[in-house]
ModelCIF file with pLDDT and N, C-alpha, C, O atoms, coordinates in Angstrom:
data_MODEL
#
_entry.id   MODEL 
#
_entity.id                         1 
_entity.type                       polymer 
_entity.pdbx_number_of_molecules   1 
#
_entity_poly.entity_id                      1 
_entity_poly.type                           'polypeptide(L)' 
_entity_poly.nstd_linkage                   no 
_entity_poly.nstd_monomer                   no 
_entity_poly.pdbx_seq_one_letter_code       SQPGPPAKPPRSALTMRDMIGALVVLALVVLAAGG 
_entity_poly.pdbx_seq_one_letter_code_can   SQPGPPAKPPRSALTMRDMIGALVVLALVVLAAGG 
_entity_poly.pdbx_strand_id                 A 
#
loop_
_entity_poly_seq.entity_id 
_entity_poly_seq.num 
_entity_poly_seq.mon_id 
_entity_poly_seq.hetero 
1 1  SER n 
1 2  GLN n 
1 3  PRO n 
1 4  GLY n 
1 5  PRO n 
1 6  PRO n 
1 7  ALA n 
1 8  LYS n 
1 9  PRO n 
1 10 PRO n 
1 11 ARG n 
1 12 SER n 
1 13 ALA n 
1 14 LEU n 
1 15 THR n 
1 16 MET n 
1 17 ARG n 
1 18 ASP n 
1 19 MET n 
1 20 ILE n 
1 21 GLY n 
1 22 ALA n 
1 23 LEU n 
1 24 VAL n 
1 25 VAL n 
1 26 LEU n 
1 27 ALA n 
1 28 LEU n 
1 29 VAL n 
1 30 VAL n 
1 31 LEU n 
1 32 ALA n 
1 33 ALA n 
1 34 GLY n 
1 35 GLY n 
#
_struct_asym.id          A 
_struct_asym.entity_id   1 
#
loop_
_ma_qa_metric.id 
_ma_qa_metric.mode 
_ma_qa_metric.name 
_ma_qa_metric.software_group_id 
_ma_qa_metric.type 
1 global pLDDT . pLDDT 
2 local  pLDDT . pLDDT 
#
_ma_qa_metric_global.metric_id      1 
_ma_qa_metric_global.metric_value   69.66 
_ma_qa_metric_global.model_id       1 
_ma_qa_metric_global.ordinal_id     1 
#
loop_
_ma_qa_metric_local.label_asym_id 
_ma_qa_metric_local.label_comp_id 
_ma_qa_metric_local.label_seq_id 
_ma_qa_metric_local.metric_id 
_ma_qa_metric_local.metric_value 
_ma_qa_metric_local.model_id 
_ma_qa_metric_local.ordinal_id 
A SER 1  2 59.00 1 1  
A GLN 2  2 66.00 1 2  
A PRO 3  2 65.00 1 3  
A GLY 4  2 64.00 1 4  
A PRO 5  2 65.00 1 5  
A PRO 6  2 64.00 1 6  
A ALA 7  2 66.00 1 7  
A LYS 8  2 65.00 1 8  
A PRO 9  2 64.00 1 9  
A PRO 10 2 69.00 1 10 
A ARG 11 2 65.00 1 11 
A SER 12 2 64.00 1 12 
A ALA 13 2 65.00 1 13 
A LEU 14 2 68.00 1 14 
A THR 15 2 78.00 1 15 
A MET 16 2 76.00 1 16 
A ARG 17 2 79.00 1 17 
A ASP 18 2 72.00 1 18 
A MET 19 2 71.00 1 19 
A ILE 20 2 82.00 1 20 
A GLY 21 2 74.00 1 21 
A ALA 22 2 75.00 1 22 
A LEU 23 2 78.00 1 23 
A VAL 24 2 78.00 1 24 
A VAL 25 2 77.00 1 25 
A LEU 26 2 79.00 1 26 
A ALA 27 2 74.00 1 27 
A LEU 28 2 77.00 1 28 
A VAL 29 2 73.00 1 29 
A VAL 30 2 72.00 1 30 
A LEU 31 2 69.00 1 31 
A ALA 32 2 66.00 1 32 
A ALA 33 2 64.00 1 33 
A GLY 34 2 59.00 1 34 
A GLY 35 2 56.00 1 35 
#
loop_
_atom_site.group_PDB 
_atom_site.id 
_atom_site.type_symbol 
_atom_site.label_atom_id 
_atom_site.label_alt_id 
_atom_site.label_comp_id 
_atom_site.label_asym_id 
_atom_site.label_entity_id 
_atom_site.label_seq_id 
_atom_site.pdbx_PDB_ins_code 
_atom_site.Cartn_x 
_atom_site.Cartn_y 
_atom_site.Cartn_z 
_atom_site.occupancy 
_atom_site.B_iso_or_equiv 
_atom_site.pdbx_formal_charge 
_atom_site.auth_seq_id 
_atom_site.auth_comp_id 
_atom_site.auth_asym_id 
_atom_site.auth_atom_id 
_atom_site.pdbx_PDB_model_num 
ATOM 1   N N  . SER A 1 1  ? 16.660 19.939 -15.127 1.00 59.00 ? 1  SER A N  1 
ATOM 2   C CA . SER A 1 1  ? 17.341 20.679 -16.332 1.00 59.00 ? 1  SER A CA 1 
ATOM 3   C C  . SER A 1 1  ? 18.063 21.916 -15.470 1.00 59.00 ? 1  SER A C  1 
ATOM 4   O O  . SER A 1 1  ? 17.588 22.548 -14.527 1.00 59.00 ? 1  SER A O  1 
ATOM 5   N N  . GLN A 1 2  ? 19.440 22.057 -16.143 1.00 66.00 ? 2  GLN A N  1 
ATOM 6   C CA . GLN A 1 2  ? 20.310 23.211 -15.322 1.00 66.00 ? 2  GLN A CA 1 
ATOM 7   C C  . GLN A 1 2  ? 19.495 24.690 -15.536 1.00 66.00 ? 2  GLN A C  1 
ATOM 8   O O  . GLN A 1 2  ? 18.816 24.965 -16.525 1.00 66.00 ? 2  GLN A O  1 
ATOM 9   N N  . PRO A 1 3  ? 19.690 25.427 -14.558 1.00 65.00 ? 3  PRO A N  1 
ATOM 10  C CA . PRO A 1 3  ? 19.370 26.807 -14.161 1.00 65.00 ? 3  PRO A CA 1 
ATOM 11  C C  . PRO A 1 3  ? 19.829 27.266 -15.713 1.00 65.00 ? 3  PRO A C  1 
ATOM 12  O O  . PRO A 1 3  ? 20.700 26.610 -16.285 1.00 65.00 ? 3  PRO A O  1 
ATOM 13  N N  . GLY A 1 4  ? 19.187 28.453 -16.385 1.00 64.00 ? 4  GLY A N  1 
ATOM 14  C CA . GLY A 1 4  ? 19.977 29.038 -17.312 1.00 64.00 ? 4  GLY A CA 1 
ATOM 15  C C  . GLY A 1 4  ? 20.383 30.478 -16.977 1.00 64.00 ? 4  GLY A C  1 
ATOM 16  O O  . GLY A 1 4  ? 20.065 30.846 -15.846 1.00 64.00 ? 4  GLY A O  1 
ATOM 17  N N  . PRO A 1 5  ? 20.976 31.290 -17.694 1.00 65.00 ? 5  PRO A N  1 
ATOM 18  C CA . PRO A 1 5  ? 21.692 32.586 -17.285 1.00 65.00 ? 5  PRO A CA 1 
ATOM 19  C C  . PRO A 1 5  ? 20.533 33.462 -16.801 1.00 65.00 ? 5  PRO A C  1 
ATOM 20  O O  . PRO A 1 5  ? 19.403 33.392 -17.283 1.00 65.00 ? 5  PRO A O  1 
ATOM 21  N N  . PRO A 1 6  ? 20.899 34.307 -15.798 1.00 64.00 ? 6  PRO A N  1 
ATOM 22  C CA . PRO A 1 6  ? 19.632 35.237 -15.422 1.00 64.00 ? 6  PRO A CA 1 
ATOM 23  C C  . PRO A 1 6  ? 19.542 35.847 -16.309 1.00 64.00 ? 6  PRO A C  1 
ATOM 24  O O  . PRO A 1 6  ? 20.393 35.963 -17.191 1.00 64.00 ? 6  PRO A O  1 
ATOM 25  N N  . ALA A 1 7  ? 18.426 36.394 -16.255 1.00 66.00 ? 7  ALA A N  1 
ATOM 26  C CA . ALA A 1 7  ? 17.483 37.412 -17.073 1.00 66.00 ? 7  ALA A CA 1 
ATOM 27  C C  . ALA A 1 7  ? 18.288 38.532 -17.222 1.00 66.00 ? 7  ALA A C  1 
ATOM 28  O O  . ALA A 1 7  ? 19.108 38.881 -16.373 1.00 66.00 ? 7  ALA A O  1 
ATOM 29  N N  . LYS A 1 8  ? 18.074 39.134 -18.318 1.00 65.00 ? 8  LYS A N  1 
ATOM 30  C CA . LYS A 1 8  ? 18.738 40.598 -18.570 1.00 65.00 ? 8  LYS A CA 1 
ATOM 31  C C  . LYS A 1 8  ? 17.156 41.400 -17.827 1.00 65.00 ? 8  LYS A C  1 
ATOM 32  O O  . LYS A 1 8  ? 15.981 41.051 -17.943 1.00 65.00 ? 8  LYS A O  1 
ATOM 33  N N  . PRO A 1 9  ? 17.791 42.587 -17.058 1.00 64.00 ? 9  PRO A N  1 
ATOM 34  C CA . PRO A 1 9  ? 16.864 43.390 -16.636 1.00 64.00 ? 9  PRO A CA 1 
ATOM 35  C C  . PRO A 1 9  ? 15.916 44.149 -17.625 1.00 64.00 ? 9  PRO A C  1 
ATOM 36  O O  . PRO A 1 9  ? 16.590 44.674 -18.511 1.00 64.00 ? 9  PRO A O  1 
ATOM 37  N N  . PRO A 1 10 ? 14.653 44.367 -17.759 1.00 69.00 ? 10 PRO A N  1 
ATOM 38  C CA . PRO A 1 10 ? 14.240 45.504 -18.744 1.00 69.00 ? 10 PRO A CA 1 
ATOM 39  C C  . PRO A 1 10 ? 14.942 47.023 -18.335 1.00 69.00 ? 10 PRO A C  1 
ATOM 40  O O  . PRO A 1 10 ? 15.359 47.475 -17.269 1.00 69.00 ? 10 PRO A O  1 
ATOM 41  N N  . ARG A 1 11 ? 14.869 47.500 -19.537 1.00 65.00 ? 11 ARG A N  1 
ATOM 42  C CA . ARG A 1 11 ? 15.512 48.918 -19.634 1.00 65.00 ? 11 ARG A CA 1 
ATOM 43  C C  . ARG A 1 11 ? 14.643 49.794 -18.502 1.00 65.00 ? 11 ARG A C  1 
ATOM 44  O O  . ARG A 1 11 ? 15.317 50.670 -17.959 1.00 65.00 ? 11 ARG A O  1 
ATOM 45  N N  . SER A 1 12 ? 13.793 49.734 -18.233 1.00 64.00 ? 12 SER A N  1 
ATOM 46  C CA . SER A 1 12 ? 12.901 50.510 -17.267 1.00 64.00 ? 12 SER A CA 1 
ATOM 47  C C  . SER A 1 12 ? 13.578 50.542 -16.192 1.00 64.00 ? 12 SER A C  1 
ATOM 48  O O  . SER A 1 12 ? 13.572 51.544 -15.476 1.00 64.00 ? 12 SER A O  1 
ATOM 49  N N  . ALA A 1 13 ? 14.358 49.322 -15.865 1.00 65.00 ? 13 ALA A N  1 
ATOM 50  C CA . ALA A 1 13 ? 14.452 48.693 -14.350 1.00 65.00 ? 13 ALA A CA 1 
ATOM 51  C C  . ALA A 1 13 ? 16.042 49.661 -14.156 1.00 65.00 ? 13 ALA A C  1 
ATOM 52  O O  . ALA A 1 13 ? 16.431 50.024 -13.045 1.00 65.00 ? 13 ALA A O  1 
ATOM 53  N N  . LEU A 1 14 ? 16.641 49.895 -15.174 1.00 68.00 ? 14 LEU A N  1 
ATOM 54  C CA . LEU A 1 14 ? 18.024 50.268 -15.171 1.00 68.00 ? 14 LEU A CA 1 
ATOM 55  C C  . LEU A 1 14 ? 17.933 51.718 -14.662 1.00 68.00 ? 14 LEU A C  1 
ATOM 56  O O  . LEU A 1 14 ? 17.013 52.412 -15.096 1.00 68.00 ? 14 LEU A O  1 
ATOM 57  N N  . THR A 1 15 ? 18.903 52.294 -13.683 1.00 78.00 ? 15 THR A N  1 
ATOM 58  C CA . THR A 1 15 ? 18.999 53.324 -13.142 1.00 78.00 ? 15 THR A CA 1 
ATOM 59  C C  . THR A 1 15 ? 20.393 54.156 -13.499 1.00 78.00 ? 15 THR A C  1 
ATOM 60  O O  . THR A 1 15 ? 21.395 53.638 -13.994 1.00 78.00 ? 15 THR A O  1 
ATOM 61  N N  . MET A 1 16 ? 20.220 55.758 -13.091 1.00 76.00 ? 16 MET A N  1 
ATOM 62  C CA . MET A 1 16 ? 21.317 56.329 -13.332 1.00 76.00 ? 16 MET A CA 1 
ATOM 63  C C  . MET A 1 16 ? 22.708 55.849 -13.325 1.00 76.00 ? 16 MET A C  1 
ATOM 64  O O  . MET A 1 16 ? 23.625 55.843 -14.146 1.00 76.00 ? 16 MET A O  1 
ATOM 65  N N  . ARG A 1 17 ? 22.529 55.403 -11.979 1.00 79.00 ? 17 ARG A N  1 
ATOM 66  C CA . ARG A 1 17 ? 23.786 54.592 -11.143 1.00 79.00 ? 17 ARG A CA 1 
ATOM 67  C C  . ARG A 1 17 ? 24.280 53.470 -12.021 1.00 79.00 ? 17 ARG A C  1 
ATOM 68  O O  . ARG A 1 17 ? 25.473 53.165 -12.050 1.00 79.00 ? 17 ARG A O  1 
ATOM 69  N N  . ASP A 1 18 ? 23.477 52.935 -12.647 1.00 72.00 ? 18 ASP A N  1 
ATOM 70  C CA . ASP A 1 18 ? 23.788 51.836 -13.856 1.00 72.00 ? 18 ASP A CA 1 
ATOM 71  C C  . ASP A 1 18 ? 24.447 52.430 -14.756 1.00 72.00 ? 18 ASP A C  1 
ATOM 72  O O  . ASP A 1 18 ? 25.592 52.058 -15.013 1.00 72.00 ? 18 ASP A O  1 
ATOM 73  N N  . MET A 1 19 ? 23.983 53.257 -15.281 1.00 71.00 ? 19 MET A N  1 
ATOM 74  C CA . MET A 1 19 ? 24.444 54.254 -16.482 1.00 71.00 ? 19 MET A CA 1 
ATOM 75  C C  . MET A 1 19 ? 26.161 54.800 -16.365 1.00 71.00 ? 19 MET A C  1 
ATOM 76  O O  . MET A 1 19 ? 27.118 54.664 -17.128 1.00 71.00 ? 19 MET A O  1 
ATOM 77  N N  . ILE A 1 20 ? 25.997 55.462 -15.033 1.00 82.00 ? 20 ILE A N  1 
ATOM 78  C CA . ILE A 1 20 ? 27.217 55.894 -14.762 1.00 82.00 ? 20 ILE A CA 1 
ATOM 79  C C  . ILE A 1 20 ? 28.330 54.782 -14.460 1.00 82.00 ? 20 ILE A C  1 
ATOM 80  O O  . ILE A 1 20 ? 29.500 55.161 -14.528 1.00 82.00 ? 20 ILE A O  1 
ATOM 81  N N  . GLY A 1 21 ? 28.125 53.706 -14.197 1.00 74.00 ? 21 GLY A N  1 
ATOM 82  C CA . GLY A 1 21 ? 28.938 52.654 -13.687 1.00 74.00 ? 21 GLY A CA 1 
ATOM 83  C C  . GLY A 1 21 ? 29.402 52.016 -15.190 1.00 74.00 ? 21 GLY A C  1 
ATOM 84  O O  . GLY A 1 21 ? 30.400 51.311 -15.333 1.00 74.00 ? 21 GLY A O  1 
ATOM 85  N N  . ALA A 1 22 ? 28.653 52.332 -16.074 1.00 75.00 ? 22 ALA A N  1 
ATOM 86  C CA . ALA A 1 22 ? 28.927 51.716 -17.395 1.00 75.00 ? 22 ALA A CA 1 
ATOM 87  C C  . ALA A 1 22 ? 30.097 52.661 -18.122 1.00 75.00 ? 22 ALA A C  1 
ATOM 88  O O  . ALA A 1 22 ? 31.166 52.321 -18.630 1.00 75.00 ? 22 ALA A O  1 
ATOM 89  N N  . LEU A 1 23 ? 29.618 53.693 -18.007 1.00 78.00 ? 23 LEU A N  1 
ATOM 90  C CA . LEU A 1 23 ? 30.478 54.768 -18.568 1.00 78.00 ? 23 LEU A CA 1 
ATOM 91  C C  . LEU A 1 23 ? 32.011 54.893 -17.962 1.00 78.00 ? 23 LEU A C  1 
ATOM 92  O O  . LEU A 1 23 ? 33.013 54.962 -18.674 1.00 78.00 ? 23 LEU A O  1 
ATOM 93  N N  . VAL A 1 24 ? 32.011 54.910 -16.475 1.00 78.00 ? 24 VAL A N  1 
ATOM 94  C CA . VAL A 1 24 ? 33.209 54.425 -15.645 1.00 78.00 ? 24 VAL A CA 1 
ATOM 95  C C  . VAL A 1 24 ? 34.282 53.536 -16.244 1.00 78.00 ? 24 VAL A C  1 
ATOM 96  O O  . VAL A 1 24 ? 35.469 53.807 -16.430 1.00 78.00 ? 24 VAL A O  1 
ATOM 97  N N  . VAL A 1 25 ? 33.477 52.176 -16.563 1.00 77.00 ? 25 VAL A N  1 
ATOM 98  C CA . VAL A 1 25 ? 34.168 50.889 -17.116 1.00 77.00 ? 25 VAL A CA 1 
ATOM 99  C C  . VAL A 1 25 ? 34.489 51.232 -18.427 1.00 77.00 ? 25 VAL A C  1 
ATOM 100 O O  . VAL A 1 25 ? 35.615 50.899 -18.795 1.00 77.00 ? 25 VAL A O  1 
ATOM 101 N N  . LEU A 1 26 ? 33.761 51.829 -19.240 1.00 79.00 ? 26 LEU A N  1 
ATOM 102 C CA . LEU A 1 26 ? 34.139 52.122 -20.609 1.00 79.00 ? 26 LEU A CA 1 
ATOM 103 C C  . LEU A 1 26 ? 35.471 53.362 -20.616 1.00 79.00 ? 26 LEU A C  1 
ATOM 104 O O  . LEU A 1 26 ? 36.413 53.360 -21.408 1.00 79.00 ? 26 LEU A O  1 
ATOM 105 N N  . ALA A 1 27 ? 35.258 54.265 -19.629 1.00 74.00 ? 27 ALA A N  1 
ATOM 106 C CA . ALA A 1 27 ? 36.387 55.336 -19.718 1.00 74.00 ? 27 ALA A CA 1 
ATOM 107 C C  . ALA A 1 27 ? 37.773 54.687 -19.431 1.00 74.00 ? 27 ALA A C  1 
ATOM 108 O O  . ALA A 1 27 ? 38.826 54.915 -20.026 1.00 74.00 ? 27 ALA A O  1 
ATOM 109 N N  . LEU A 1 28 ? 37.509 53.656 -18.185 1.00 77.00 ? 28 LEU A N  1 
ATOM 110 C CA . LEU A 1 28 ? 38.989 53.062 -18.169 1.00 77.00 ? 28 LEU A CA 1 
ATOM 111 C C  . LEU A 1 28 ? 39.174 52.049 -19.071 1.00 77.00 ? 28 LEU A C  1 
ATOM 112 O O  . LEU A 1 28 ? 40.334 51.668 -18.914 1.00 77.00 ? 28 LEU A O  1 
ATOM 113 N N  . VAL A 1 29 ? 38.671 51.447 -19.885 1.00 73.00 ? 29 VAL A N  1 
ATOM 114 C CA . VAL A 1 29 ? 39.052 50.741 -21.018 1.00 73.00 ? 29 VAL A CA 1 
ATOM 115 C C  . VAL A 1 29 ? 39.616 51.746 -21.738 1.00 73.00 ? 29 VAL A C  1 
ATOM 116 O O  . VAL A 1 29 ? 40.837 51.704 -21.585 1.00 73.00 ? 29 VAL A O  1 
ATOM 117 N N  . VAL A 1 30 ? 39.288 52.599 -22.430 1.00 72.00 ? 30 VAL A N  1 
ATOM 118 C CA . VAL A 1 30 ? 40.019 53.793 -23.431 1.00 72.00 ? 30 VAL A CA 1 
ATOM 119 C C  . VAL A 1 30 ? 41.304 54.076 -22.632 1.00 72.00 ? 30 VAL A C  1 
ATOM 120 O O  . VAL A 1 30 ? 42.399 53.662 -23.014 1.00 72.00 ? 30 VAL A O  1 
ATOM 121 N N  . LEU A 1 31 ? 41.164 54.657 -21.726 1.00 69.00 ? 31 LEU A N  1 
ATOM 122 C CA . LEU A 1 31 ? 42.502 55.355 -21.172 1.00 69.00 ? 31 LEU A CA 1 
ATOM 123 C C  . LEU A 1 31 ? 43.726 53.848 -20.923 1.00 69.00 ? 31 LEU A C  1 
ATOM 124 O O  . LEU A 1 31 ? 44.933 53.975 -21.126 1.00 69.00 ? 31 LEU A O  1 
ATOM 125 N N  . ALA A 1 32 ? 43.254 52.882 -20.589 1.00 66.00 ? 32 ALA A N  1 
ATOM 126 C CA . ALA A 1 32 ? 44.159 51.865 -20.629 1.00 66.00 ? 32 ALA A CA 1 
ATOM 127 C C  . ALA A 1 32 ? 44.783 51.619 -22.055 1.00 66.00 ? 32 ALA A C  1 
ATOM 128 O O  . ALA A 1 32 ? 45.972 51.632 -22.375 1.00 66.00 ? 32 ALA A O  1 
ATOM 129 N N  . ALA A 1 33 ? 43.397 51.337 -23.013 1.00 64.00 ? 33 ALA A N  1 
ATOM 130 C CA . ALA A 1 33 ? 44.101 50.974 -24.669 1.00 64.00 ? 33 ALA A CA 1 
ATOM 131 C C  . ALA A 1 33 ? 44.829 52.394 -24.807 1.00 64.00 ? 33 ALA A C  1 
ATOM 132 O O  . ALA A 1 33 ? 45.844 52.274 -25.493 1.00 64.00 ? 33 ALA A O  1 
ATOM 133 N N  . GLY A 1 34 ? 44.667 53.378 -24.469 1.00 59.00 ? 34 GLY A N  1 
ATOM 134 C CA . GLY A 1 34 ? 45.453 54.756 -25.149 1.00 59.00 ? 34 GLY A CA 1 
ATOM 135 C C  . GLY A 1 34 ? 46.617 54.690 -24.248 1.00 59.00 ? 34 GLY A C  1 
ATOM 136 O O  . GLY A 1 34 ? 47.679 55.104 -24.714 1.00 59.00 ? 34 GLY A O  1 
ATOM 137 N N  . GLY A 1 35 ? 46.605 54.242 -23.038 1.00 56.00 ? 35 GLY A N  1 
ATOM 138 C CA . GLY A 1 35 ? 48.297 54.528 -22.353 1.00 56.00 ? 35 GLY A CA 1 
ATOM 139 C C  . GLY A 1 35 ? 49.060 53.204 -22.793 1.00 56.00 ? 35 GLY A C  1 
ATOM 140 O O  . GLY A 1 35 ? 50.245 53.047 -22.498 1.00 56.00 ? 35 GLY A O  1 
#
């Protein structure tokens, strides 16, 4: 059998660094769309 997609980590495993990274990516998308 083919290996499936990697499992999503549980919320308890996400760190503040992961959240800040997601916000930075979102801010870049908004600025690009506005520009």
